[in-house]
Amino acid sequence: MLKKVIYACIGIAAMALGAMGTVVPGLPATPFFLLALLCFTKGSDKLNCWFRGTGLYAKYVKSYEYDRSMTRKQKLTIQAAAGLMMLISFIMVGNLAIRLLLIGAFILHNYVFIFVIKTRQTGRSETTMKGEVDDKYEL
């Protein structure tokens, strides 16, 4: 029970950060919405259904959840924001171990976005994806 509450709280916080990321330059929305989806899935059926019914889910997460791909713009925005934050941290921290950890995180992050996450054509909509069923989520 406590585990579900913790997941729900983390999901709500991630959802709030993702919502801020839709309007604040440099703060990516998609990773926070993906985290919110994961937490809501593990924590609360009602929050999961509610989140899947929002426009934020439809715009930022639905297509990624379906075929594990992002548009080039989404990938570049996330990479640029994360890279900038890592660069700022690298400059501000004097500890060699932490700097090496940041370099490793930067390399891993870029590897995943370049070689693991597929790039989807910008014009491709969810309605043209093969085999997708129109999902309806209700509380």
C-alpha atoms as a PDB file:
ATOM      1  CA  MET A   1       0.000   0.000   0.000  1.00  0.00           C
ATOM      2  CA  LEU A   2       2.776   2.453   0.919  1.00  0.00           C
ATOM      3  CA  LYS A   3       4.592   1.561  -2.299  1.00  0.00           C
ATOM      4  CA  LYS A   4       1.529   2.544  -4.356  1.00  0.00           C
ATOM      5  CA  VAL A   5       1.260   5.869  -2.534  1.00  0.00           C
ATOM      6  CA  ILE A   6       4.942   6.588  -3.200  1.00  0.00           C
ATOM      7  CA  TYR A   7       4.494   5.747  -6.899  1.00  0.00           C
ATOM      8  CA  ALA A   8       1.424   8.000  -7.081  1.00  0.00           C
ATOM      9  CA  CYS A   9       3.278  10.888  -5.401  1.00  0.00           C
ATOM     10  CA  ILE A  10       6.287  10.546  -7.700  1.00  0.00           C
ATOM     11  CA  GLY A  11       3.916  10.354 -10.673  1.00  0.00           C
ATOM     12  CA  ILE A  12       2.122  13.543  -9.640  1.00  0.00           C
ATOM     13  CA  ALA A  13       5.453  15.350  -9.177  1.00  0.00           C
ATOM     14  CA  ALA A  14       6.670  14.103 -12.580  1.00  0.00           C
ATOM     15  CA  MET A  15       3.386  15.179 -14.155  1.00  0.00           C
ATOM     16  CA  ALA A  16       3.785  18.669 -12.675  1.00  0.00           C
ATOM     17  CA  LEU A  17       7.377  18.936 -13.938  1.00  0.00           C
ATOM     18  CA  GLY A  18       6.277  17.723 -17.360  1.00  0.00           C
ATOM     19  CA  ALA A  19       3.490  20.292 -17.468  1.00  0.00           C
ATOM     20  CA  MET A  20       6.018  22.989 -16.585  1.00  0.00           C
ATOM     21  CA  GLY A  21       8.253  21.609 -19.332  1.00  0.00           C
ATOM     22  CA  THR A  22       5.577  22.362 -21.910  1.00  0.00           C
ATOM     23  CA  VAL A  23       5.993  26.096 -21.276  1.00  0.00           C
ATOM     24  CA  VAL A  24       9.481  26.540 -19.756  1.00  0.00           C
ATOM     25  CA  PRO A  25      12.255  26.577 -22.351  1.00  0.00           C
ATOM     26  CA  GLY A  26      15.031  24.104 -21.584  1.00  0.00           C
ATOM     27  CA  LEU A  27      12.859  21.843 -19.416  1.00  0.00           C
ATOM     28  CA  PRO A  28      11.830  18.782 -21.450  1.00  0.00           C
ATOM     29  CA  ALA A  29       8.300  17.502 -20.934  1.00  0.00           C
ATOM     30  CA  THR A  30       8.412  14.019 -22.464  1.00  0.00           C
ATOM     31  CA  PRO A  31      10.765  12.285 -19.981  1.00  0.00           C
ATOM     32  CA  PHE A  32       8.717  13.556 -17.039  1.00  0.00           C
ATOM     33  CA  PHE A  33       5.480  12.392 -18.651  1.00  0.00           C
ATOM     34  CA  LEU A  34       7.033   8.978 -19.310  1.00  0.00           C
ATOM     35  CA  LEU A  35       8.036   8.784 -15.652  1.00  0.00           C
ATOM     36  CA  ALA A  36       4.522   9.839 -14.627  1.00  0.00           C
ATOM     37  CA  LEU A  37       3.038   7.101 -16.824  1.00  0.00           C
ATOM     38  CA  LEU A  38       5.333   4.488 -15.284  1.00  0.00           C
ATOM     39  CA  CYS A  39       4.500   5.603 -11.742  1.00  0.00           C
ATOM     40  CA  PHE A  40       0.758   5.848 -12.374  1.00  0.00           C
ATOM     41  CA  THR A  41       0.765   2.396 -13.979  1.00  0.00           C
ATOM     42  CA  LYS A  42       2.402   0.909 -10.891  1.00  0.00           C
ATOM     43  CA  GLY A  43       0.666   3.094  -8.323  1.00  0.00           C
ATOM     44  CA  SER A  44      -2.942   3.850  -9.173  1.00  0.00           C
ATOM     45  CA  ASP A  45      -5.424   2.579 -11.750  1.00  0.00           C
ATOM     46  CA  LYS A  46      -7.505   5.754 -11.432  1.00  0.00           C
ATOM     47  CA  LEU A  47      -4.528   8.097 -11.950  1.00  0.00           C
ATOM     48  CA  ASN A  48      -3.320   5.901 -14.818  1.00  0.00           C
ATOM     49  CA  CYS A  49      -6.698   6.079 -16.576  1.00  0.00           C
ATOM     50  CA  TRP A  50      -6.965   9.811 -15.901  1.00  0.00           C
ATOM     51  CA  PHE A  51      -3.472  10.539 -17.245  1.00  0.00           C
ATOM     52  CA  ARG A  52      -4.056   8.447 -20.373  1.00  0.00           C
ATOM     53  CA  GLY A  53      -7.159  10.532 -21.049  1.00  0.00           C
ATOM     54  CA  THR A  54      -5.331  13.873 -20.982  1.00  0.00           C
ATOM     55  CA  GLY A  55      -4.168  15.820 -23.987  1.00  0.00           C
ATOM     56  CA  LEU A  56      -0.652  15.864 -22.547  1.00  0.00           C
ATOM     57  CA  TYR A  57      -0.505  12.073 -22.740  1.00  0.00           C
ATOM     58  CA  ALA A  58      -1.840  12.099 -26.293  1.00  0.00           C
ATOM     59  CA  LYS A  59       0.650  14.718 -27.456  1.00  0.00           C
ATOM     60  CA  TYR A  60       3.837  13.683 -25.647  1.00  0.00           C
ATOM     61  CA  VAL A  61       3.622  10.006 -24.661  1.00  0.00           C
ATOM     62  CA  LYS A  62       1.061   7.987 -26.628  1.00  0.00           C
ATOM     63  CA  SER A  63       3.070   7.539 -29.806  1.00  0.00           C
ATOM     64  CA  TYR A  64       6.260   6.742 -27.877  1.00  0.00           C
ATOM     65  CA  GLU A  65       4.455   4.153 -25.773  1.00  0.00           C
ATOM     66  CA  TYR A  66       3.044   2.544 -28.923  1.00  0.00           C
ATOM     67  CA  ASP A  67       6.186   2.122 -31.029  1.00  0.00           C
ATOM     68  CA  ARG A  68       9.082   3.417 -28.869  1.00  0.00           C
ATOM     69  CA  SER A  69       9.884   6.268 -31.236  1.00  0.00           C
ATOM     70  CA  MET A  70      10.108  10.066 -31.083  1.00  0.00           C
ATOM     71  CA  THR A  71      10.218  12.793 -33.662  1.00  0.00           C
ATOM     72  CA  ARG A  72      13.586  14.320 -34.445  1.00  0.00           C
ATOM     73  CA  LYS A  73      12.434  17.572 -32.802  1.00  0.00           C
ATOM     74  CA  GLN A  74      11.492  15.773 -29.564  1.00  0.00           C
ATOM     75  CA  LYS A  75      14.800  13.944 -29.456  1.00  0.00           C
ATOM     76  CA  LEU A  76      16.862  17.069 -30.140  1.00  0.00           C
ATOM     77  CA  THR A  77      14.953  19.128 -27.566  1.00  0.00           C
ATOM     78  CA  ILE A  78      15.485  16.519 -24.861  1.00  0.00           C
ATOM     79  CA  GLN A  79      19.138  16.018 -25.805  1.00  0.00           C
ATOM     80  CA  ALA A  80      19.840  19.749 -25.836  1.00  0.00           C
ATOM     81  CA  ALA A  81      18.171  20.372 -22.471  1.00  0.00           C
ATOM     82  CA  ALA A  82      19.825  17.395 -20.799  1.00  0.00           C
ATOM     83  CA  GLY A  83      23.192  18.216 -22.351  1.00  0.00           C
ATOM     84  CA  LEU A  84      22.969  21.823 -21.157  1.00  0.00           C
ATOM     85  CA  MET A  85      22.111  20.749 -17.609  1.00  0.00           C
ATOM     86  CA  MET A  86      24.987  18.259 -17.582  1.00  0.00           C
ATOM     87  CA  LEU A  87      27.376  20.907 -18.925  1.00  0.00           C
ATOM     88  CA  ILE A  88      26.340  23.388 -16.234  1.00  0.00           C
ATOM     89  CA  SER A  89      26.811  20.698 -13.588  1.00  0.00           C
ATOM     90  CA  PHE A  90      30.193  19.739 -15.063  1.00  0.00           C
ATOM     91  CA  ILE A  91      31.399  23.349 -14.932  1.00  0.00           C
ATOM     92  CA  MET A  92      30.127  23.998 -11.403  1.00  0.00           C
ATOM     93  CA  VAL A  93      31.406  20.781  -9.802  1.00  0.00           C
ATOM     94  CA  GLY A  94      35.098  20.463  -9.017  1.00  0.00           C
ATOM     95  CA  ASN A  95      35.024  16.811  -7.921  1.00  0.00           C
ATOM     96  CA  LEU A  96      36.765  14.586 -10.496  1.00  0.00           C
ATOM     97  CA  ALA A  97      34.617  11.525  -9.703  1.00  0.00           C
ATOM     98  CA  ILE A  98      31.396  13.457 -10.264  1.00  0.00           C
ATOM     99  CA  ARG A  99      32.767  14.959 -13.485  1.00  0.00           C
ATOM    100  CA  LEU A 100      33.589  11.475 -14.759  1.00  0.00           C
ATOM    101  CA  LEU A 101      30.109  10.313 -13.785  1.00  0.00           C
ATOM    102  CA  LEU A 102      28.604  13.237 -15.722  1.00  0.00           C
ATOM    103  CA  ILE A 103      30.700  12.390 -18.783  1.00  0.00           C
ATOM    104  CA  GLY A 104      29.516   8.778 -18.582  1.00  0.00           C
ATOM    105  CA  ALA A 105      25.884   9.872 -18.192  1.00  0.00           C
ATOM    106  CA  PHE A 106      26.242  12.226 -21.170  1.00  0.00           C
ATOM    107  CA  ILE A 107      27.687   9.463 -23.369  1.00  0.00           C
ATOM    108  CA  LEU A 108      25.016   6.950 -22.293  1.00  0.00           C
ATOM    109  CA  HIS A 109      22.219   9.487 -22.769  1.00  0.00           C
ATOM    110  CA  ASN A 110      23.330  10.335 -26.298  1.00  0.00           C
ATOM    111  CA  TYR A 111      23.896   6.668 -27.179  1.00  0.00           C
ATOM    112  CA  VAL A 112      20.321   5.830 -26.158  1.00  0.00           C
ATOM    113  CA  PHE A 113      18.807   8.751 -28.058  1.00  0.00           C
ATOM    114  CA  ILE A 114      20.858   8.106 -31.203  1.00  0.00           C
ATOM    115  CA  PHE A 115      20.934   4.305 -31.398  1.00  0.00           C
ATOM    116  CA  VAL A 116      18.132   2.927 -29.204  1.00  0.00           C
ATOM    117  CA  ILE A 117      15.141   5.263 -29.563  1.00  0.00           C
ATOM    118  CA  LYS A 118      13.831   5.189 -33.127  1.00  0.00           C
ATOM    119  CA  THR A 119      13.197   8.424 -35.009  1.00  0.00           C
ATOM    120  CA  ARG A 120       9.637   8.816 -36.293  1.00  0.00           C
ATOM    121  CA  GLN A 121       8.670  10.967 -39.258  1.00  0.00           C
ATOM    122  CA  THR A 122       7.177  14.277 -38.117  1.00  0.00           C
ATOM    123  CA  GLY A 123       4.031  14.023 -40.243  1.00  0.00           C
ATOM    124  CA  ARG A 124       3.124  10.514 -39.104  1.00  0.00           C
ATOM    125  CA  SER A 125       0.125  10.562 -36.820  1.00  0.00           C
ATOM    126  CA  GLU A 126      -1.090   7.968 -34.366  1.00  0.00           C
ATOM    127  CA  THR A 127      -4.062   7.166 -36.605  1.00  0.00           C
ATOM    128  CA  THR A 128      -1.751   5.817 -39.321  1.00  0.00           C
ATOM    129  CA  MET A 129       0.100   3.404 -37.054  1.00  0.00           C
ATOM    130  CA  LYS A 130      -0.479  -0.254 -37.877  1.00  0.00           C
ATOM    131  CA  GLY A 131      -2.669  -2.256 -35.564  1.00  0.00           C
ATOM    132  CA  GLU A 132      -3.450   0.515 -33.139  1.00  0.00           C
ATOM    133  CA  VAL A 133      -6.823   0.456 -31.489  1.00  0.00           C
ATOM    134  CA  ASP A 134      -8.539   3.660 -30.428  1.00  0.00           C
ATOM    135  CA  ASP A 135      -7.895   3.597 -26.684  1.00  0.00           C
ATOM    136  CA  LYS A 136     -10.642   4.861 -24.420  1.00  0.00           C
ATOM    137  CA  TYR A 137      -9.810   5.317 -20.769  1.00  0.00           C
ATOM    138  CA  GLU A 138     -12.441   6.045 -18.176  1.00  0.00           C
ATOM    139  CA  LEU A 139     -12.411   6.352 -14.409  1.00  0.00           C
END
